[in-house]
Structure formats: C-alpha cells, structure tokens
Amino acid sequence: MLKKTIVCLIGLALILGALAFLHVYYISGGAGGTLFWNGNTAYLFLNRDSLGYRMNYLQYIGQTLKEALGVGRPPSEKRYSSVVFTISSSNVNSYVLDGMRLSEYFVINGSVLSGHQNTGILWKWDQDHFVRASSQDQRNLAEAGASSLPGPEYDDLDGWHKRINIFSHKDEYTYVINLNATTLSLRVKRERLDDLSVDLERSDGTNQSIWHLDGHPRKVSKAEYEQIFVTR
C-alpha cells in the first residue's frame, strides 16, 4: 500500500512538473482608426496593438477557472504599430510603422500631426512616413489649441474633413468621400468584438478589401509568439 502511494505521488509530481515546465502562448489584438480627407486624398490612420499571453499549463488551468468567474489576465507582452493608408481617386497605398504608439491626430496648416503616447514627441506625416515635427509645427499646434481646435469631427474646415473612432459603430458603417469629383465609399465593419475590416468601393462598383484584423485570442506556437514579441 505504501509503495503504491509513493508511486502515485511520484507520478503526480512528474505531471505537475511537466505542467509547470511546458508553456502555452496566445495572442490577441485590436485597433482604432482616424479618417481625414480633402479634395485630393484621404488618409486613414490605424493605431494597432498586439497583446501576448505566455503562461505555463498550471497557470493556464488557473486562468481558465478565473475567466469562468470573469477575471481577466494582464498581457505578458505588448507591441504597438501604426498602419497608414493614403487613398486617391485611382489607387491606395499602405505603410506599416512598427513601434509607433500615437495618440489623437490633428490637421494643422495642411499637415497631419500626432504625439507619441509614451514619449510625448510630436510627429508629422510626410508622404509615406512620419518625421519629427519642427518647433514651428509645435507652435502651430499650440496656437490652434489655444484658439480651440474644432472637433472631434468636422466637415470642410479649410477643405478638410475628419472622422474619429471609425470602428465604434455597430456592425457595418460607410463613409462617403469625394476625391477629385469621384465618389468613394469606405466601408468599415466590426464583427463580434475585435474582427475588424476596411473595404473600399469605387463609383464604378468595384470593391477592394484593404485591411482586416482578427484580433480575437488565438493559440500560437512559441516560434510565432517570439517572432512577434521577442525578435522585433
């Protein structure tokens, strides 16, 4: 009897040791968007966050029980990026800017400005990338703020239009944009919580899917997890 008990205890210890040693990896994500357009070009700025959850199987079992009680777990890692689309009446260009965690966007004197959430540094969009804003840009923003910036949304202010939180609408929502006398429809969709998509429909009826994110938690391999959060 004693021998059987010892064998059981050893077996249990080995199982617990394996559960403590082996890890499971999950990722999830989300995004928010700001849309600007003038007579020639539309600019879609998407702030994206990726969240990583790394835990051993003992922690995973415990977390499963906690989630059944509505208790979440803070992410093990976070990664931020910005995705920018420039849209004309004839084409769409996209740019991914890794490591950018930007806040609210403003158009000042025809330039799009935004501050970095961690450093407070002001950045300006310049054709296909962000450059550090000049001292004059900072003064222009400060002066505009002192005179009360319009918003948060507006139409035809010095030829510019602005929409914020484009994924806040339930299900599907369409933004109608006029560029160079051509009507475009930017259709944004939010299915479930973090399944987000952006499609562009032109006046001739052609449709183009320009962005999609399935941000729901999903299990990944250690290699994929480390590619996202460790090697970058």
C-alpha atoms as a PDB file:
ATOM      1  CA  MET A   1       0.000   0.000   0.000  1.00  0.00           C
ATOM      2  CA  LEU A   2       2.797   2.362   0.954  1.00  0.00           C
ATOM      3  CA  LYS A   3       4.658   1.509  -2.246  1.00  0.00           C
ATOM      4  CA  LYS A   4       1.562   2.224  -4.324  1.00  0.00           C
ATOM      5  CA  THR A   5       1.092   5.575  -2.587  1.00  0.00           C
ATOM      6  CA  ILE A   6       4.722   6.526  -3.242  1.00  0.00           C
ATOM      7  CA  VAL A   7       4.373   5.618  -6.927  1.00  0.00           C
ATOM      8  CA  CYS A   8       1.216   7.740  -7.177  1.00  0.00           C
ATOM      9  CA  LEU A   9       2.920  10.703  -5.507  1.00  0.00           C
ATOM     10  CA  ILE A  10       5.907  10.411  -7.826  1.00  0.00           C
ATOM     11  CA  GLY A  11       3.579  10.240 -10.827  1.00  0.00           C
ATOM     12  CA  LEU A  12       1.662  13.290  -9.608  1.00  0.00           C
ATOM     13  CA  ALA A  13       4.915  15.186  -9.067  1.00  0.00           C
ATOM     14  CA  LEU A  14       6.052  14.374 -12.597  1.00  0.00           C
ATOM     15  CA  ILE A  15       2.743  15.547 -14.038  1.00  0.00           C
ATOM     16  CA  LEU A  16       2.841  18.805 -12.065  1.00  0.00           C
ATOM     17  CA  GLY A  17       6.459  19.319 -13.065  1.00  0.00           C
ATOM     18  CA  ALA A  18       5.598  18.873 -16.723  1.00  0.00           C
ATOM     19  CA  LEU A  19       2.656  21.293 -16.426  1.00  0.00           C
ATOM     20  CA  ALA A  20       4.923  23.852 -14.777  1.00  0.00           C
ATOM     21  CA  PHE A  21       7.629  23.405 -17.424  1.00  0.00           C
ATOM     22  CA  LEU A  22       5.539  23.397 -20.591  1.00  0.00           C
ATOM     23  CA  HIS A  23       4.160  26.733 -21.793  1.00  0.00           C
ATOM     24  CA  VAL A  24       1.188  27.867 -23.847  1.00  0.00           C
ATOM     25  CA  TYR A  25       1.130  31.034 -25.971  1.00  0.00           C
ATOM     26  CA  TYR A  26      -1.800  33.230 -27.011  1.00  0.00           C
ATOM     27  CA  ILE A  27      -2.028  36.500 -28.917  1.00  0.00           C
ATOM     28  CA  SER A  28      -4.858  38.976 -29.385  1.00  0.00           C
ATOM     29  CA  GLY A  29      -5.154  42.480 -30.757  1.00  0.00           C
ATOM     30  CA  GLY A  30      -7.259  45.493 -31.564  1.00  0.00           C
ATOM     31  CA  ALA A  31      -7.180  48.778 -33.437  1.00  0.00           C
ATOM     32  CA  GLY A  32      -8.670  52.242 -33.577  1.00  0.00           C
ATOM     33  CA  GLY A  33      -8.892  54.500 -36.595  1.00  0.00           C
ATOM     34  CA  THR A  34      -8.994  58.163 -37.616  1.00  0.00           C
ATOM     35  CA  LEU A  35     -10.001  59.253 -41.112  1.00  0.00           C
ATOM     36  CA  PHE A  36      -9.138  62.544 -42.840  1.00  0.00           C
ATOM     37  CA  TRP A  37      -9.769  63.661 -46.395  1.00  0.00           C
ATOM     38  CA  ASN A  38      -9.509  66.777 -48.519  1.00  0.00           C
ATOM     39  CA  GLY A  39     -10.276  67.351 -52.185  1.00  0.00           C
ATOM     40  CA  ASN A  40      -7.471  65.135 -53.428  1.00  0.00           C
ATOM     41  CA  THR A  41      -6.515  62.487 -50.850  1.00  0.00           C
ATOM     42  CA  ALA A  42      -7.943  60.537 -47.938  1.00  0.00           C
ATOM     43  CA  TYR A  43      -5.737  59.454 -45.032  1.00  0.00           C
ATOM     44  CA  LEU A  44      -6.673  56.555 -42.786  1.00  0.00           C
ATOM     45  CA  PHE A  45      -4.574  56.208 -39.625  1.00  0.00           C
ATOM     46  CA  LEU A  46      -4.972  52.939 -37.721  1.00  0.00           C
ATOM     47  CA  ASN A  47      -3.382  52.525 -34.287  1.00  0.00           C
ATOM     48  CA  ARG A  48      -2.894  48.807 -33.705  1.00  0.00           C
ATOM     49  CA  ASP A  49      -1.986  46.956 -30.505  1.00  0.00           C
ATOM     50  CA  SER A  50      -0.879  43.326 -30.214  1.00  0.00           C
ATOM     51  CA  LEU A  51      -1.117  41.592 -26.838  1.00  0.00           C
ATOM     52  CA  GLY A  52       0.755  38.439 -25.895  1.00  0.00           C
ATOM     53  CA  TYR A  53      -0.089  35.964 -23.140  1.00  0.00           C
ATOM     54  CA  ARG A  54       2.617  33.493 -22.102  1.00  0.00           C
ATOM     55  CA  MET A  55       1.998  31.060 -19.248  1.00  0.00           C
ATOM     56  CA  ASN A  56       2.762  27.524 -18.171  1.00  0.00           C
ATOM     57  CA  TYR A  57      -0.024  24.948 -18.157  1.00  0.00           C
ATOM     58  CA  LEU A  58      -0.591  25.254 -14.411  1.00  0.00           C
ATOM     59  CA  GLN A  59      -1.163  28.984 -14.867  1.00  0.00           C
ATOM     60  CA  TYR A  60      -3.312  28.266 -17.915  1.00  0.00           C
ATOM     61  CA  ILE A  61      -5.587  25.941 -15.949  1.00  0.00           C
ATOM     62  CA  GLY A  62      -5.882  28.514 -13.178  1.00  0.00           C
ATOM     63  CA  GLN A  63      -6.603  31.297 -15.667  1.00  0.00           C
ATOM     64  CA  THR A  64      -9.319  29.227 -17.337  1.00  0.00           C
ATOM     65  CA  LEU A  65     -11.051  28.912 -13.979  1.00  0.00           C
ATOM     66  CA  LYS A  66     -10.643  32.659 -13.320  1.00  0.00           C
ATOM     67  CA  GLU A  67     -12.104  33.592 -16.696  1.00  0.00           C
ATOM     68  CA  ALA A  68     -15.135  31.474 -15.918  1.00  0.00           C
ATOM     69  CA  LEU A  69     -15.591  33.876 -12.991  1.00  0.00           C
ATOM     70  CA  GLY A  70     -14.978  36.937 -15.189  1.00  0.00           C
ATOM     71  CA  VAL A  71     -11.403  37.602 -14.019  1.00  0.00           C
ATOM     72  CA  GLY A  72      -9.002  38.539 -16.832  1.00  0.00           C
ATOM     73  CA  ARG A  73      -5.228  38.354 -17.018  1.00  0.00           C
ATOM     74  CA  PRO A  74      -2.892  41.246 -17.903  1.00  0.00           C
ATOM     75  CA  PRO A  75      -0.819  40.595 -21.036  1.00  0.00           C
ATOM     76  CA  SER A  76       2.731  39.328 -20.738  1.00  0.00           C
ATOM     77  CA  GLU A  77       3.887  41.467 -23.661  1.00  0.00           C
ATOM     78  CA  LYS A  78       2.576  44.353 -25.736  1.00  0.00           C
ATOM     79  CA  ARG A  79       3.530  45.643 -29.144  1.00  0.00           C
ATOM     80  CA  TYR A  80       2.233  48.735 -30.929  1.00  0.00           C
ATOM     81  CA  SER A  81       2.240  49.820 -34.542  1.00  0.00           C
ATOM     82  CA  SER A  82       0.530  52.247 -36.889  1.00  0.00           C
ATOM     83  CA  VAL A  83      -0.894  51.412 -40.288  1.00  0.00           C
ATOM     84  CA  VAL A  84      -1.443  54.348 -42.646  1.00  0.00           C
ATOM     85  CA  PHE A  85      -3.429  54.312 -45.883  1.00  0.00           C
ATOM     86  CA  THR A  86      -3.324  57.108 -48.434  1.00  0.00           C
ATOM     87  CA  ILE A  87      -6.274  56.888 -50.808  1.00  0.00           C
ATOM     88  CA  SER A  88      -6.669  58.787 -54.072  1.00  0.00           C
ATOM     89  CA  SER A  89      -9.361  58.597 -56.716  1.00  0.00           C
ATOM     90  CA  SER A  90      -7.297  55.949 -58.538  1.00  0.00           C
ATOM     91  CA  ASN A  91      -5.150  53.998 -56.046  1.00  0.00           C
ATOM     92  CA  VAL A  92      -4.448  53.009 -52.446  1.00  0.00           C
ATOM     93  CA  ASN A  93      -1.047  52.921 -50.734  1.00  0.00           C
ATOM     94  CA  SER A  94      -0.356  51.457 -47.307  1.00  0.00           C
ATOM     95  CA  TYR A  95       2.501  51.878 -44.834  1.00  0.00           C
ATOM     96  CA  VAL A  96       3.236  49.960 -41.620  1.00  0.00           C
ATOM     97  CA  LEU A  97       5.165  51.791 -38.911  1.00  0.00           C
ATOM     98  CA  ASP A  98       6.350  49.412 -36.216  1.00  0.00           C
ATOM     99  CA  GLY A  99       6.782  50.646 -32.661  1.00  0.00           C
ATOM    100  CA  MET A 100       4.636  53.761 -33.129  1.00  0.00           C
ATOM    101  CA  ARG A 101       2.077  54.352 -30.396  1.00  0.00           C
ATOM    102  CA  LEU A 102       0.388  57.568 -31.435  1.00  0.00           C
ATOM    103  CA  SER A 103      -2.464  59.447 -29.809  1.00  0.00           C
ATOM    104  CA  GLU A 104      -5.012  61.843 -31.310  1.00  0.00           C
ATOM    105  CA  TYR A 105      -4.420  63.157 -34.831  1.00  0.00           C
ATOM    106  CA  PHE A 106      -4.776  66.792 -35.935  1.00  0.00           C
ATOM    107  CA  VAL A 107      -4.566  68.649 -39.228  1.00  0.00           C
ATOM    108  CA  ILE A 108      -2.661  71.879 -38.757  1.00  0.00           C
ATOM    109  CA  ASN A 109      -1.846  74.062 -41.771  1.00  0.00           C
ATOM    110  CA  GLY A 110      -2.467  71.128 -44.079  1.00  0.00           C
ATOM    111  CA  SER A 111      -0.213  68.685 -42.175  1.00  0.00           C
ATOM    112  CA  VAL A 112      -1.313  65.717 -40.054  1.00  0.00           C
ATOM    113  CA  LEU A 113       0.287  65.769 -36.595  1.00  0.00           C
ATOM    114  CA  SER A 114       0.159  63.306 -33.703  1.00  0.00           C
ATOM    115  CA  GLY A 115       2.005  62.866 -30.424  1.00  0.00           C
ATOM    116  CA  HIS A 116       3.684  59.673 -29.261  1.00  0.00           C
ATOM    117  CA  GLN A 117       1.831  58.336 -26.212  1.00  0.00           C
ATOM    118  CA  ASN A 118       4.966  57.220 -24.376  1.00  0.00           C
ATOM    119  CA  THR A 119       7.461  59.982 -25.184  1.00  0.00           C
ATOM    120  CA  GLY A 120       5.188  62.932 -25.922  1.00  0.00           C
ATOM    121  CA  ILE A 121       7.224  63.669 -29.051  1.00  0.00           C
ATOM    122  CA  LEU A 122       5.183  65.302 -31.829  1.00  0.00           C
ATOM    123  CA  TRP A 123       5.318  63.641 -35.253  1.00  0.00           C
ATOM    124  CA  LYS A 124       4.206  64.823 -38.707  1.00  0.00           C
ATOM    125  CA  TRP A 125       3.089  62.664 -41.617  1.00  0.00           C
ATOM    126  CA  ASP A 126       5.272  63.275 -44.671  1.00  0.00           C
ATOM    127  CA  GLN A 127       4.077  61.425 -47.813  1.00  0.00           C
ATOM    128  CA  ASP A 128       4.993  57.864 -46.744  1.00  0.00           C
ATOM    129  CA  HIS A 129       6.437  58.127 -43.216  1.00  0.00           C
ATOM    130  CA  PHE A 130       6.410  60.154 -40.014  1.00  0.00           C
ATOM    131  CA  VAL A 131       9.077  62.766 -39.367  1.00  0.00           C
ATOM    132  CA  ARG A 132       9.701  64.548 -36.129  1.00  0.00           C
ATOM    133  CA  ALA A 133       7.690  67.755 -36.117  1.00  0.00           C
ATOM    134  CA  SER A 134       9.575  71.022 -36.189  1.00  0.00           C
ATOM    135  CA  SER A 135       9.438  73.631 -33.479  1.00  0.00           C
ATOM    136  CA  GLN A 136       7.228  75.669 -35.806  1.00  0.00           C
ATOM    137  CA  ASP A 137       4.812  72.732 -36.111  1.00  0.00           C
ATOM    138  CA  GLN A 138       4.655  72.541 -32.318  1.00  0.00           C
ATOM    139  CA  ARG A 139       3.960  76.277 -32.085  1.00  0.00           C
ATOM    140  CA  ASN A 140       1.249  75.992 -34.744  1.00  0.00           C
ATOM    141  CA  LEU A 141      -0.431  73.181 -32.810  1.00  0.00           C
ATOM    142  CA  ALA A 142      -0.185  75.102 -29.536  1.00  0.00           C
ATOM    143  CA  GLU A 143      -1.686  78.208 -31.138  1.00  0.00           C
ATOM    144  CA  ALA A 144      -4.501  76.191 -32.716  1.00  0.00           C
ATOM    145  CA  GLY A 145      -5.198  74.548 -29.355  1.00  0.00           C
ATOM    146  CA  ALA A 146      -5.296  77.904 -27.614  1.00  0.00           C
ATOM    147  CA  SER A 147      -7.954  79.070 -30.070  1.00  0.00           C
ATOM    148  CA  SER A 148      -9.953  75.845 -29.587  1.00  0.00           C
ATOM    149  CA  LEU A 149      -9.375  73.161 -32.172  1.00  0.00           C
ATOM    150  CA  PRO A 150     -12.535  72.006 -33.936  1.00  0.00           C
ATOM    151  CA  GLY A 151     -13.826  68.585 -33.373  1.00  0.00           C
ATOM    152  CA  PRO A 152     -13.607  65.933 -32.539  1.00  0.00           C
ATOM    153  CA  GLU A 153     -15.194  65.573 -36.006  1.00  0.00           C
ATOM    154  CA  TYR A 154     -15.777  68.230 -38.621  1.00  0.00           C
ATOM    155  CA  ASP A 155     -16.503  68.908 -42.292  1.00  0.00           C
ATOM    156  CA  ASP A 156     -14.948  71.293 -44.797  1.00  0.00           C
ATOM    157  CA  LEU A 157     -12.635  73.117 -42.433  1.00  0.00           C
ATOM    158  CA  ASP A 158     -10.059  74.679 -44.758  1.00  0.00           C
ATOM    159  CA  GLY A 159     -11.060  71.920 -47.175  1.00  0.00           C
ATOM    160  CA  TRP A 160     -10.508  69.073 -44.656  1.00  0.00           C
ATOM    161  CA  HIS A 161     -12.909  66.548 -43.139  1.00  0.00           C
ATOM    162  CA  LYS A 162     -12.300  64.374 -40.057  1.00  0.00           C
ATOM    163  CA  ARG A 163     -13.873  61.265 -38.529  1.00  0.00           C
ATOM    164  CA  ILE A 164     -12.659  59.516 -35.375  1.00  0.00           C
ATOM    165  CA  ASN A 165     -13.189  56.088 -33.791  1.00  0.00           C
ATOM    166  CA  ILE A 166     -14.232  54.619 -37.110  1.00  0.00           C
ATOM    167  CA  PHE A 167     -14.799  51.159 -35.599  1.00  0.00           C
ATOM    168  CA  SER A 168     -17.123  52.408 -32.880  1.00  0.00           C
ATOM    169  CA  HIS A 169     -20.242  51.850 -34.988  1.00  0.00           C
ATOM    170  CA  LYS A 170     -22.077  48.594 -34.550  1.00  0.00           C
ATOM    171  CA  ASP A 171     -21.652  46.130 -37.389  1.00  0.00           C
ATOM    172  CA  GLU A 172     -21.054  47.973 -40.696  1.00  0.00           C
ATOM    173  CA  TYR A 173     -20.730  51.690 -41.452  1.00  0.00           C
ATOM    174  CA  THR A 174     -19.947  53.549 -44.679  1.00  0.00           C
ATOM    175  CA  TYR A 175     -18.065  56.839 -45.059  1.00  0.00           C
ATOM    176  CA  VAL A 176     -18.718  58.619 -48.370  1.00  0.00           C
ATOM    177  CA  ILE A 177     -15.673  60.508 -49.626  1.00  0.00           C
ATOM    178  CA  ASN A 178     -15.419  62.804 -52.657  1.00  0.00           C
ATOM    179  CA  LEU A 179     -11.938  62.998 -54.205  1.00  0.00           C
ATOM    180  CA  ASN A 180     -11.333  64.888 -57.436  1.00  0.00           C
ATOM    181  CA  ALA A 181     -15.049  64.759 -58.276  1.00  0.00           C
ATOM    182  CA  THR A 182     -15.010  60.964 -57.758  1.00  0.00           C
ATOM    183  CA  THR A 183     -17.194  59.406 -55.068  1.00  0.00           C
ATOM    184  CA  LEU A 184     -15.632  56.645 -52.968  1.00  0.00           C
ATOM    185  CA  SER A 185     -17.243  54.635 -50.183  1.00  0.00           C
ATOM    186  CA  LEU A 186     -15.065  53.474 -47.311  1.00  0.00           C
ATOM    187  CA  ARG A 187     -16.907  50.618 -45.620  1.00  0.00           C
ATOM    188  CA  VAL A 188     -15.755  49.636 -42.135  1.00  0.00           C
ATOM    189  CA  LYS A 189     -17.049  46.585 -40.347  1.00  0.00           C
ATOM    190  CA  ARG A 190     -16.802  45.309 -36.797  1.00  0.00           C
ATOM    191  CA  GLU A 191     -17.929  41.753 -36.264  1.00  0.00           C
ATOM    192  CA  ARG A 192     -18.014  40.354 -32.760  1.00  0.00           C
ATOM    193  CA  LEU A 193     -15.514  42.396 -30.711  1.00  0.00           C
ATOM    194  CA  ASP A 194     -12.158  42.574 -32.490  1.00  0.00           C
ATOM    195  CA  ASP A 195     -12.815  41.280 -36.006  1.00  0.00           C
ATOM    196  CA  LEU A 196     -12.245  44.500 -37.963  1.00  0.00           C
ATOM    197  CA  SER A 197     -12.160  45.178 -41.691  1.00  0.00           C
ATOM    198  CA  VAL A 198     -11.971  48.088 -44.132  1.00  0.00           C
ATOM    199  CA  ASP A 199     -13.198  47.865 -47.744  1.00  0.00           C
ATOM    200  CA  LEU A 200     -13.163  50.488 -50.469  1.00  0.00           C
ATOM    201  CA  GLU A 201     -15.931  50.713 -53.066  1.00  0.00           C
ATOM    202  CA  ARG A 202     -15.455  52.920 -56.115  1.00  0.00           C
ATOM    203  CA  SER A 203     -18.137  54.663 -58.130  1.00  0.00           C
ATOM    204  CA  ASP A 204     -17.897  52.030 -60.884  1.00  0.00           C
ATOM    205  CA  GLY A 205     -18.955  49.364 -58.368  1.00  0.00           C
ATOM    206  CA  THR A 206     -15.549  47.721 -57.913  1.00  0.00           C
ATOM    207  CA  ASN A 207     -14.666  46.663 -54.371  1.00  0.00           C
ATOM    208  CA  GLN A 208     -11.245  46.398 -52.757  1.00  0.00           C
ATOM    209  CA  SER A 209     -10.513  44.857 -49.367  1.00  0.00           C
ATOM    210  CA  ILE A 210      -7.710  46.999 -47.974  1.00  0.00           C
ATOM    211  CA  TRP A 211      -7.348  45.817 -44.357  1.00  0.00           C
ATOM    212  CA  HIS A 212      -8.525  43.101 -41.991  1.00  0.00           C
ATOM    213  CA  LEU A 213      -7.695  42.164 -38.410  1.00  0.00           C
ATOM    214  CA  ASP A 214      -8.972  39.174 -36.477  1.00  0.00           C
ATOM    215  CA  GLY A 215      -7.900  40.254 -33.022  1.00  0.00           C
ATOM    216  CA  HIS A 216      -9.611  37.533 -31.052  1.00  0.00           C
ATOM    217  CA  PRO A 217      -7.323  35.498 -28.775  1.00  0.00           C
ATOM    218  CA  ARG A 218      -5.760  32.563 -30.563  1.00  0.00           C
ATOM    219  CA  LYS A 219      -3.198  29.978 -29.615  1.00  0.00           C
ATOM    220  CA  VAL A 220       0.146  30.173 -31.436  1.00  0.00           C
ATOM    221  CA  SER A 221       3.442  28.324 -31.409  1.00  0.00           C
ATOM    222  CA  LYS A 222       6.390  29.542 -29.369  1.00  0.00           C
ATOM    223  CA  ALA A 223       8.205  30.436 -32.595  1.00  0.00           C
ATOM    224  CA  GLU A 224       5.347  32.625 -33.853  1.00  0.00           C
ATOM    225  CA  TYR A 225       4.970  34.261 -30.447  1.00  0.00           C
ATOM    226  CA  GLU A 226       8.664  35.107 -30.227  1.00  0.00           C
ATOM    227  CA  GLN A 227       8.667  36.395 -33.789  1.00  0.00           C
ATOM    228  CA  ILE A 228       6.059  38.956 -32.785  1.00  0.00           C
ATOM    229  CA  PHE A 229       7.219  39.978 -29.330  1.00  0.00           C
ATOM    230  CA  VAL A 230      10.866  38.989 -28.910  1.00  0.00           C
ATOM    231  CA  THR A 231      12.836  39.332 -32.111  1.00  0.00           C
ATOM    232  CA  ARG A 232      11.472  42.706 -33.146  1.00  0.00           C
END
